[in-house]
Amino acid sequence: MNKLYKGEIGMNKVIAAVFLGGSIFLSNLVLAEDLTVYLKETAIKKYDLGEKGDSVPDLITRSGNLFFKLDGPAVGTYYTKSMVTHIDANNFNIREFVVEFNLPDGEILTMDYAKVEQGKVAGKGFKHRGVVLGGTGAYSGIRGSYDHSYESDKVSTFILHIQK
């Protein structure tokens, strides 16, 4: 009888561990969601901060309006900073790409390092992925990743893969 009792305790521990692990996995799935926002640029500025011409630490800033639906009303604003951090020998440069989204319920901050053709600004057809660093308000404590693509030189789509 004593051996059976110890065996039952061991099995109960295994069942409890499987249940707990599964619960943690499923809770992450439940708390993950995609948020799609559309950006329409209203301003772009280029700053030649290093040596004359394309060089480290040249800067491109953009700002504009945010939309939940491309043909819907503006729901907020966005600001980007794209700074050249490295010049590649193959006519490309690496840029630190930071975006802040100002939405009705809080802000979201994202970041990436992206490879862009030397002397060009990212535009139609350009795509990259990055990380969601965090947020404020309703977005406080978020993390995740994003996919960003330009539909035209002035309109782009961010799909934020958010986990809380």
N, C-alpha and C. Protein backbone atom coordinates (compact mmCIF):
# COMPACT_ATOMS: atom_id res chain seq x y z
N MET A 1 0.82 -1.19 0.00
CA MET A 1 0.00 0.00 0.00
C MET A 1 0.87 1.25 0.00
N ASN A 2 1.93 1.23 0.75
CA ASN A 2 2.82 2.38 0.83
C ASN A 2 3.45 2.69 -0.53
N LYS A 3 3.85 1.68 -1.29
CA LYS A 3 4.44 1.90 -2.61
C LYS A 3 3.45 2.52 -3.57
N LEU A 4 2.22 2.06 -3.54
CA LEU A 4 1.18 2.61 -4.40
C LEU A 4 0.94 4.08 -4.08
N TYR A 5 0.92 4.41 -2.82
CA TYR A 5 0.69 5.79 -2.40
C TYR A 5 1.79 6.70 -2.93
N LYS A 6 3.07 6.28 -2.83
CA LYS A 6 4.18 7.09 -3.34
C LYS A 6 4.09 7.24 -4.85
N GLY A 7 3.67 6.18 -5.53
CA GLY A 7 3.52 6.24 -6.98
C GLY A 7 2.43 7.23 -7.39
N GLU A 8 1.36 7.26 -6.63
CA GLU A 8 0.27 8.20 -6.93
C GLU A 8 0.73 9.63 -6.74
N ILE A 9 1.53 9.88 -5.74
CA ILE A 9 2.05 11.24 -5.50
C ILE A 9 2.95 11.65 -6.66
N GLY A 10 3.80 10.73 -7.11
CA GLY A 10 4.69 11.03 -8.23
C GLY A 10 3.89 11.35 -9.48
N MET A 11 2.86 10.59 -9.78
CA MET A 11 2.02 10.82 -10.95
C MET A 11 1.28 12.15 -10.82
N ASN A 12 0.82 12.47 -9.63
CA ASN A 12 0.13 13.74 -9.42
C ASN A 12 1.05 14.92 -9.69
N LYS A 13 2.32 14.78 -9.33
CA LYS A 13 3.28 15.85 -9.60
C LYS A 13 3.48 16.03 -11.10
N VAL A 14 3.55 14.92 -11.83
CA VAL A 14 3.71 14.99 -13.28
C VAL A 14 2.49 15.65 -13.91
N ILE A 15 1.30 15.24 -13.49
CA ILE A 15 0.07 15.83 -14.04
C ILE A 15 0.01 17.32 -13.72
N ALA A 16 0.37 17.69 -12.50
CA ALA A 16 0.36 19.11 -12.11
C ALA A 16 1.35 19.91 -12.94
N ALA A 17 2.54 19.36 -13.19
CA ALA A 17 3.56 20.07 -13.98
C ALA A 17 3.09 20.25 -15.42
N VAL A 18 2.49 19.22 -16.01
CA VAL A 18 1.98 19.32 -17.38
C VAL A 18 0.86 20.35 -17.44
N PHE A 19 -0.05 20.31 -16.48
CA PHE A 19 -1.16 21.26 -16.45
C PHE A 19 -0.66 22.70 -16.31
N LEU A 20 0.30 22.92 -15.41
CA LEU A 20 0.85 24.26 -15.19
C LEU A 20 1.57 24.77 -16.44
N GLY A 21 2.40 23.91 -17.05
CA GLY A 21 3.11 24.31 -18.26
C GLY A 21 2.15 24.64 -19.39
N GLY A 22 1.13 23.83 -19.55
CA GLY A 22 0.12 24.09 -20.58
C GLY A 22 -0.64 25.37 -20.33
N SER A 23 -0.95 25.65 -19.07
CA SER A 23 -1.66 26.88 -18.72
C SER A 23 -0.83 28.11 -19.05
N ILE A 24 0.46 28.05 -18.74
CA ILE A 24 1.34 29.18 -19.05
C ILE A 24 1.42 29.39 -20.56
N PHE A 25 1.58 28.31 -21.32
CA PHE A 25 1.64 28.40 -22.78
C PHE A 25 0.35 29.00 -23.33
N LEU A 26 -0.80 28.49 -22.89
CA LEU A 26 -2.08 28.98 -23.39
C LEU A 26 -2.35 30.42 -22.97
N SER A 27 -1.90 30.82 -21.78
CA SER A 27 -2.12 32.20 -21.36
C SER A 27 -1.35 33.16 -22.24
N ASN A 28 -0.16 32.77 -22.72
CA ASN A 28 0.58 33.62 -23.64
C ASN A 28 -0.13 33.72 -24.98
N LEU A 29 -0.73 32.64 -25.43
CA LEU A 29 -1.48 32.69 -26.68
C LEU A 29 -2.69 33.60 -26.57
N VAL A 30 -3.38 33.53 -25.45
CA VAL A 30 -4.58 34.32 -25.26
C VAL A 30 -4.24 35.81 -25.18
N LEU A 31 -3.10 36.15 -24.62
CA LEU A 31 -2.73 37.54 -24.42
C LEU A 31 -1.97 38.14 -25.61
N ALA A 32 -1.78 37.37 -26.67
CA ALA A 32 -1.11 37.87 -27.87
C ALA A 32 -2.17 38.35 -28.85
N GLU A 33 -1.91 39.49 -29.48
CA GLU A 33 -2.84 40.00 -30.48
C GLU A 33 -2.08 40.87 -31.47
N ASP A 34 -2.64 41.02 -32.65
CA ASP A 34 -2.07 41.89 -33.67
C ASP A 34 -2.85 43.19 -33.69
N LEU A 35 -2.12 44.29 -33.78
CA LEU A 35 -2.72 45.60 -33.94
C LEU A 35 -2.15 46.18 -35.23
N THR A 36 -3.02 46.46 -36.19
CA THR A 36 -2.58 47.04 -37.46
C THR A 36 -2.87 48.53 -37.45
N VAL A 37 -1.84 49.31 -37.76
CA VAL A 37 -2.00 50.76 -37.90
C VAL A 37 -1.41 51.18 -39.24
N TYR A 38 -2.03 52.18 -39.82
CA TYR A 38 -1.59 52.73 -41.09
C TYR A 38 -1.01 54.11 -40.84
N LEU A 39 0.12 54.40 -41.48
CA LEU A 39 0.80 55.67 -41.31
C LEU A 39 0.70 56.46 -42.60
N LYS A 40 0.28 57.71 -42.50
CA LYS A 40 0.28 58.61 -43.65
C LYS A 40 1.19 59.78 -43.31
N GLU A 41 2.29 59.86 -44.04
CA GLU A 41 3.32 60.86 -43.78
C GLU A 41 2.83 62.26 -44.14
N THR A 42 3.09 63.21 -43.23
CA THR A 42 2.80 64.61 -43.51
C THR A 42 4.07 65.46 -43.57
N ALA A 43 5.18 64.95 -42.99
CA ALA A 43 6.44 65.70 -43.02
C ALA A 43 7.62 64.74 -43.01
N ILE A 44 8.65 65.09 -43.77
CA ILE A 44 9.91 64.35 -43.77
C ILE A 44 11.04 65.37 -43.84
N LYS A 45 12.08 65.16 -43.05
CA LYS A 45 13.24 66.05 -43.06
C LYS A 45 14.50 65.21 -43.04
N LYS A 46 15.49 65.64 -43.82
CA LYS A 46 16.80 64.99 -43.84
C LYS A 46 17.82 65.95 -43.25
N TYR A 47 18.67 65.41 -42.38
CA TYR A 47 19.71 66.21 -41.72
C TYR A 47 21.07 65.61 -42.05
N ASP A 48 21.95 66.39 -42.67
CA ASP A 48 23.31 65.96 -43.00
C ASP A 48 24.19 66.34 -41.81
N LEU A 49 24.33 65.42 -40.84
CA LEU A 49 25.00 65.73 -39.58
C LEU A 49 26.47 65.33 -39.54
N GLY A 50 26.88 64.47 -40.43
CA GLY A 50 28.27 64.00 -40.45
C GLY A 50 29.04 64.69 -41.55
N GLU A 51 29.93 63.95 -42.18
CA GLU A 51 30.66 64.47 -43.33
C GLU A 51 29.65 64.82 -44.43
N LYS A 52 30.02 65.74 -45.30
CA LYS A 52 29.12 66.15 -46.37
C LYS A 52 28.75 64.93 -47.22
N GLY A 53 27.46 64.80 -47.52
CA GLY A 53 26.97 63.63 -48.25
C GLY A 53 26.49 62.58 -47.26
N ASP A 54 26.24 61.39 -47.76
CA ASP A 54 25.74 60.31 -46.91
C ASP A 54 26.83 59.79 -45.99
N SER A 55 26.57 59.86 -44.68
CA SER A 55 27.57 59.42 -43.70
C SER A 55 26.90 59.18 -42.36
N VAL A 56 27.64 58.54 -41.46
CA VAL A 56 27.22 58.40 -40.08
C VAL A 56 27.37 59.78 -39.46
N PRO A 57 26.50 60.38 -38.74
CA PRO A 57 25.21 60.00 -38.20
C PRO A 57 24.04 60.75 -38.86
N ASP A 58 23.98 60.77 -40.18
CA ASP A 58 22.87 61.46 -40.86
C ASP A 58 21.53 60.97 -40.32
N LEU A 59 20.55 61.85 -40.39
CA LEU A 59 19.27 61.59 -39.74
C LEU A 59 18.13 61.92 -40.68
N ILE A 60 17.10 61.07 -40.65
CA ILE A 60 15.85 61.34 -41.38
C ILE A 60 14.74 61.25 -40.35
N THR A 61 13.90 62.27 -40.28
CA THR A 61 12.74 62.23 -39.38
C THR A 61 11.48 62.30 -40.22
N ARG A 62 10.46 61.64 -39.74
CA ARG A 62 9.16 61.66 -40.40
C ARG A 62 8.09 61.81 -39.32
N SER A 63 6.97 62.36 -39.72
CA SER A 63 5.81 62.41 -38.83
C SER A 63 4.56 62.40 -39.68
N GLY A 64 3.46 62.09 -39.03
CA GLY A 64 2.21 62.03 -39.77
C GLY A 64 1.09 61.53 -38.89
N ASN A 65 0.03 61.09 -39.55
CA ASN A 65 -1.17 60.64 -38.87
C ASN A 65 -1.28 59.12 -38.88
N LEU A 66 -1.94 58.59 -37.85
CA LEU A 66 -2.19 57.16 -37.71
C LEU A 66 -3.66 56.86 -37.95
N PHE A 67 -3.89 55.69 -38.52
CA PHE A 67 -5.25 55.25 -38.83
C PHE A 67 -5.40 53.78 -38.48
N PHE A 68 -6.57 53.39 -37.94
CA PHE A 68 -6.86 51.96 -37.75
C PHE A 68 -7.39 51.36 -39.04
N LYS A 69 -8.03 52.18 -39.87
CA LYS A 69 -8.49 51.79 -41.20
C LYS A 69 -7.90 52.79 -42.17
N LEU A 70 -7.36 52.30 -43.28
CA LEU A 70 -6.68 53.18 -44.23
C LEU A 70 -7.58 54.31 -44.71
N ASP A 71 -8.86 54.04 -44.88
CA ASP A 71 -9.79 55.07 -45.34
C ASP A 71 -10.62 55.66 -44.20
N GLY A 72 -10.22 55.39 -42.96
CA GLY A 72 -10.95 55.88 -41.80
C GLY A 72 -10.39 57.19 -41.27
N PRO A 73 -10.92 57.64 -40.13
CA PRO A 73 -10.45 58.90 -39.54
C PRO A 73 -9.09 58.71 -38.85
N ALA A 74 -8.32 59.76 -38.77
CA ALA A 74 -7.04 59.72 -38.04
C ALA A 74 -7.33 59.47 -36.56
N VAL A 75 -6.54 58.58 -35.94
CA VAL A 75 -6.73 58.25 -34.53
C VAL A 75 -5.53 58.66 -33.68
N GLY A 76 -4.51 59.19 -34.31
CA GLY A 76 -3.33 59.59 -33.57
C GLY A 76 -2.24 60.07 -34.50
N THR A 77 -1.04 60.20 -33.95
CA THR A 77 0.11 60.66 -34.72
C THR A 77 1.28 59.72 -34.51
N TYR A 78 2.29 59.84 -35.37
CA TYR A 78 3.51 59.05 -35.21
C TYR A 78 4.71 59.92 -35.50
N TYR A 79 5.84 59.51 -34.95
CA TYR A 79 7.12 60.20 -35.17
C TYR A 79 8.18 59.14 -35.37
N THR A 80 9.02 59.29 -36.40
CA THR A 80 10.11 58.34 -36.63
C THR A 80 11.44 59.07 -36.65
N LYS A 81 12.45 58.30 -36.27
CA LYS A 81 13.83 58.76 -36.37
C LYS A 81 14.59 57.62 -37.03
N SER A 82 15.27 57.92 -38.12
CA SER A 82 16.09 56.93 -38.82
C SER A 82 17.49 57.51 -38.93
N MET A 83 18.44 56.95 -38.15
CA MET A 83 19.80 57.48 -38.11
C MET A 83 20.78 56.47 -38.71
N VAL A 84 21.63 56.94 -39.60
CA VAL A 84 22.66 56.08 -40.19
C VAL A 84 23.67 55.73 -39.10
N THR A 85 23.86 54.42 -38.90
CA THR A 85 24.81 53.95 -37.88
C THR A 85 26.02 53.25 -38.48
N HIS A 86 25.92 52.86 -39.77
CA HIS A 86 27.02 52.13 -40.41
C HIS A 86 26.89 52.27 -41.92
N ILE A 87 28.00 52.49 -42.60
CA ILE A 87 28.03 52.53 -44.07
C ILE A 87 28.58 51.20 -44.56
N ASP A 88 27.81 50.53 -45.40
CA ASP A 88 28.19 49.22 -45.96
C ASP A 88 28.97 49.45 -47.25
N ALA A 89 29.91 48.60 -47.55
CA ALA A 89 30.74 48.72 -48.75
C ALA A 89 29.95 48.44 -50.04
N ASN A 90 28.76 47.85 -49.91
CA ASN A 90 27.97 47.47 -51.08
C ASN A 90 26.86 48.48 -51.40
N ASN A 91 27.10 49.77 -51.16
CA ASN A 91 26.16 50.84 -51.47
C ASN A 91 24.89 50.79 -50.61
N PHE A 92 25.01 50.28 -49.40
CA PHE A 92 23.91 50.28 -48.45
C PHE A 92 24.39 50.90 -47.15
N ASN A 93 23.44 51.31 -46.31
CA ASN A 93 23.80 51.70 -44.96
C ASN A 93 22.82 51.07 -43.98
N ILE A 94 23.24 50.99 -42.75
CA ILE A 94 22.40 50.45 -41.68
C ILE A 94 21.89 51.64 -40.88
N ARG A 95 20.58 51.62 -40.62
CA ARG A 95 19.96 52.73 -39.91
C ARG A 95 19.22 52.24 -38.67
N GLU A 96 19.39 52.98 -37.59
CA GLU A 96 18.60 52.75 -36.40
C GLU A 96 17.24 53.38 -36.66
N PHE A 97 16.20 52.61 -36.54
CA PHE A 97 14.86 53.04 -36.90
C PHE A 97 13.97 52.97 -35.67
N VAL A 98 13.55 54.14 -35.15
CA VAL A 98 12.72 54.22 -33.95
C VAL A 98 11.41 54.92 -34.31
N VAL A 99 10.30 54.33 -33.85
CA VAL A 99 8.98 54.93 -34.11
C VAL A 99 8.21 55.03 -32.81
N GLU A 100 7.57 56.18 -32.60
CA GLU A 100 6.64 56.34 -31.49
C GLU A 100 5.26 56.56 -32.08
N PHE A 101 4.31 55.73 -31.61
CA PHE A 101 2.91 55.85 -32.01
C PHE A 101 2.16 56.50 -30.87
N ASN A 102 1.49 57.60 -31.13
CA ASN A 102 0.65 58.26 -30.14
C ASN A 102 -0.80 57.94 -30.47
N LEU A 103 -1.37 56.99 -29.71
CA LEU A 103 -2.73 56.51 -29.93
C LEU A 103 -3.66 57.03 -28.84
N PRO A 104 -4.97 56.91 -29.04
CA PRO A 104 -5.91 57.45 -28.04
C PRO A 104 -5.72 56.91 -26.63
N ASP A 105 -5.30 55.65 -26.49
CA ASP A 105 -5.20 55.05 -25.16
C ASP A 105 -3.77 54.93 -24.64
N GLY A 106 -2.79 55.56 -25.32
CA GLY A 106 -1.41 55.51 -24.87
C GLY A 106 -0.44 55.54 -26.02
N GLU A 107 0.83 55.36 -25.71
CA GLU A 107 1.89 55.39 -26.70
C GLU A 107 2.55 54.02 -26.81
N ILE A 108 3.11 53.74 -28.01
CA ILE A 108 3.87 52.52 -28.24
C ILE A 108 5.20 52.93 -28.86
N LEU A 109 6.30 52.31 -28.40
CA LEU A 109 7.63 52.61 -28.91
C LEU A 109 8.21 51.35 -29.55
N THR A 110 8.75 51.50 -30.79
CA THR A 110 9.34 50.37 -31.51
C THR A 110 10.75 50.73 -31.97
N MET A 111 11.53 49.69 -32.33
CA MET A 111 12.90 49.92 -32.77
C MET A 111 13.38 48.79 -33.68
N ASP A 112 14.29 49.12 -34.60
CA ASP A 112 14.90 48.14 -35.48
C ASP A 112 16.17 48.75 -36.06
N TYR A 113 17.03 47.89 -36.58
CA TYR A 113 18.15 48.30 -37.42
C TYR A 113 17.84 47.76 -38.80
N ALA A 114 17.76 48.64 -39.79
CA ALA A 114 17.35 48.25 -41.14
C ALA A 114 18.42 48.63 -42.16
N LYS A 115 18.51 47.81 -43.20
CA LYS A 115 19.46 48.03 -44.29
C LYS A 115 18.73 48.77 -45.42
N VAL A 116 19.25 49.95 -45.78
CA VAL A 116 18.62 50.81 -46.79
C VAL A 116 19.67 51.21 -47.82
N GLU A 117 19.25 51.34 -49.06
CA GLU A 117 20.17 51.74 -50.12
C GLU A 117 20.74 53.12 -49.81
N GLN A 118 22.07 53.24 -49.98
CA GLN A 118 22.79 54.48 -49.69
C GLN A 118 22.14 55.67 -50.39
N GLY A 119 21.92 56.75 -49.64
CA GLY A 119 21.39 57.99 -50.20
C GLY A 119 19.90 58.00 -50.44
N LYS A 120 19.21 56.91 -50.15
CA LYS A 120 17.76 56.82 -50.38
C LYS A 120 17.02 56.90 -49.06
N VAL A 121 15.75 57.30 -49.13
CA VAL A 121 14.86 57.16 -47.99
C VAL A 121 14.00 55.93 -48.24
N ALA A 122 13.63 55.25 -47.18
CA ALA A 122 12.78 54.07 -47.32
C ALA A 122 11.46 54.51 -47.96
N GLY A 123 11.01 53.74 -48.94
CA GLY A 123 9.77 54.08 -49.64
C GLY A 123 9.09 52.84 -50.18
N LYS A 124 8.26 53.01 -51.18
CA LYS A 124 7.42 51.94 -51.73
C LYS A 124 8.21 50.64 -51.92
N GLY A 125 7.64 49.55 -51.37
CA GLY A 125 8.25 48.24 -51.48
C GLY A 125 9.22 47.89 -50.36
N PHE A 126 9.64 48.87 -49.57
CA PHE A 126 10.58 48.60 -48.48
C PHE A 126 9.86 47.91 -47.33
N LYS A 127 10.48 46.86 -46.78
CA LYS A 127 9.91 46.12 -45.65
C LYS A 127 11.00 45.84 -44.63
N HIS A 128 10.61 45.80 -43.38
CA HIS A 128 11.54 45.36 -42.32
C HIS A 128 10.74 44.94 -41.11
N ARG A 129 11.44 44.27 -40.18
CA ARG A 129 10.84 43.78 -38.94
C ARG A 129 11.61 44.36 -37.78
N GLY A 130 10.92 44.51 -36.66
CA GLY A 130 11.59 45.03 -35.48
C GLY A 130 10.91 44.59 -34.21
N VAL A 131 11.29 45.24 -33.12
CA VAL A 131 10.76 44.89 -31.80
C VAL A 131 9.88 46.00 -31.25
N VAL A 132 8.87 45.58 -30.50
CA VAL A 132 8.05 46.52 -29.73
C VAL A 132 8.73 46.63 -28.37
N LEU A 133 9.20 47.83 -28.04
CA LEU A 133 9.94 48.03 -26.80
C LEU A 133 9.05 48.19 -25.57
N GLY A 134 7.85 48.75 -25.77
CA GLY A 134 6.96 48.97 -24.63
C GLY A 134 5.94 50.02 -24.95
N GLY A 135 5.21 50.41 -23.92
CA GLY A 135 4.17 51.41 -24.14
C GLY A 135 3.74 52.05 -22.84
N THR A 136 2.78 52.96 -22.97
CA THR A 136 2.20 53.65 -21.83
C THR A 136 0.69 53.48 -21.87
N GLY A 137 0.03 53.87 -20.80
CA GLY A 137 -1.44 53.78 -20.76
C GLY A 137 -1.91 52.36 -20.97
N ALA A 138 -2.86 52.17 -21.88
CA ALA A 138 -3.40 50.83 -22.17
C ALA A 138 -2.32 49.89 -22.69
N TYR A 139 -1.22 50.43 -23.19
CA TYR A 139 -0.14 49.61 -23.76
C TYR A 139 1.01 49.38 -22.78
N SER A 140 0.84 49.80 -21.54
CA SER A 140 1.89 49.64 -20.54
C SER A 140 2.21 48.16 -20.35
N GLY A 141 3.49 47.83 -20.39
CA GLY A 141 3.93 46.46 -20.17
C GLY A 141 3.93 45.58 -21.41
N ILE A 142 3.60 46.14 -22.58
CA ILE A 142 3.58 45.30 -23.77
C ILE A 142 4.98 44.99 -24.25
N ARG A 143 5.07 43.95 -25.05
CA ARG A 143 6.31 43.59 -25.74
C ARG A 143 5.87 42.90 -27.01
N GLY A 144 6.81 42.60 -27.87
CA GLY A 144 6.46 41.89 -29.09
C GLY A 144 7.35 42.28 -30.25
N SER A 145 6.80 42.15 -31.44
CA SER A 145 7.54 42.47 -32.65
C SER A 145 6.59 43.16 -33.63
N TYR A 146 7.15 43.59 -34.77
CA TYR A 146 6.30 44.21 -35.78
C TYR A 146 6.83 43.89 -37.17
N ASP A 147 5.94 44.03 -38.13
CA ASP A 147 6.27 43.99 -39.55
C ASP A 147 5.84 45.33 -40.13
N HIS A 148 6.75 45.98 -40.87
CA HIS A 148 6.48 47.29 -41.43
C HIS A 148 6.69 47.22 -42.93
N SER A 149 5.75 47.73 -43.70
CA SER A 149 5.89 47.75 -45.16
C SER A 149 5.33 49.04 -45.72
N TYR A 150 6.01 49.55 -46.75
CA TYR A 150 5.59 50.78 -47.42
C TYR A 150 4.76 50.44 -48.64
N GLU A 151 3.50 50.91 -48.68
CA GLU A 151 2.63 50.71 -49.83
C GLU A 151 2.91 51.77 -50.90
N SER A 152 3.36 52.94 -50.44
CA SER A 152 3.78 54.03 -51.33
C SER A 152 4.85 54.80 -50.58
N ASP A 153 5.35 55.87 -51.16
CA ASP A 153 6.38 56.65 -50.47
C ASP A 153 5.81 57.41 -49.27
N LYS A 154 4.50 57.57 -49.19
CA LYS A 154 3.87 58.34 -48.11
C LYS A 154 2.97 57.52 -47.20
N VAL A 155 2.67 56.27 -47.57
CA VAL A 155 1.75 55.43 -46.79
C VAL A 155 2.43 54.10 -46.47
N SER A 156 2.35 53.71 -45.19
CA SER A 156 2.91 52.41 -44.79
C SER A 156 2.00 51.74 -43.77
N THR A 157 2.26 50.45 -43.59
CA THR A 157 1.47 49.63 -42.67
C THR A 157 2.38 49.03 -41.61
N PHE A 158 1.96 49.15 -40.36
CA PHE A 158 2.63 48.49 -39.24
C PHE A 158 1.68 47.44 -38.70
N ILE A 159 2.14 46.20 -38.63
CA ILE A 159 1.40 45.15 -37.94
C ILE A 159 2.19 44.85 -36.67
N LEU A 160 1.65 45.28 -35.56
CA LEU A 160 2.28 45.09 -34.25
C LEU A 160 1.80 43.78 -33.66
N HIS A 161 2.72 42.85 -33.43
CA HIS A 161 2.42 41.56 -32.82
C HIS A 161 2.67 41.72 -31.33
N ILE A 162 1.63 42.06 -30.60
CA ILE A 162 1.74 42.47 -29.19
C ILE A 162 1.49 41.31 -28.24
N GLN A 163 2.32 41.24 -27.22
CA GLN A 163 2.10 40.31 -26.11
C GLN A 163 2.10 41.14 -24.85
N LYS A 164 1.21 40.81 -23.93
CA LYS A 164 1.14 41.54 -22.68
C LYS A 164 1.51 40.65 -21.53
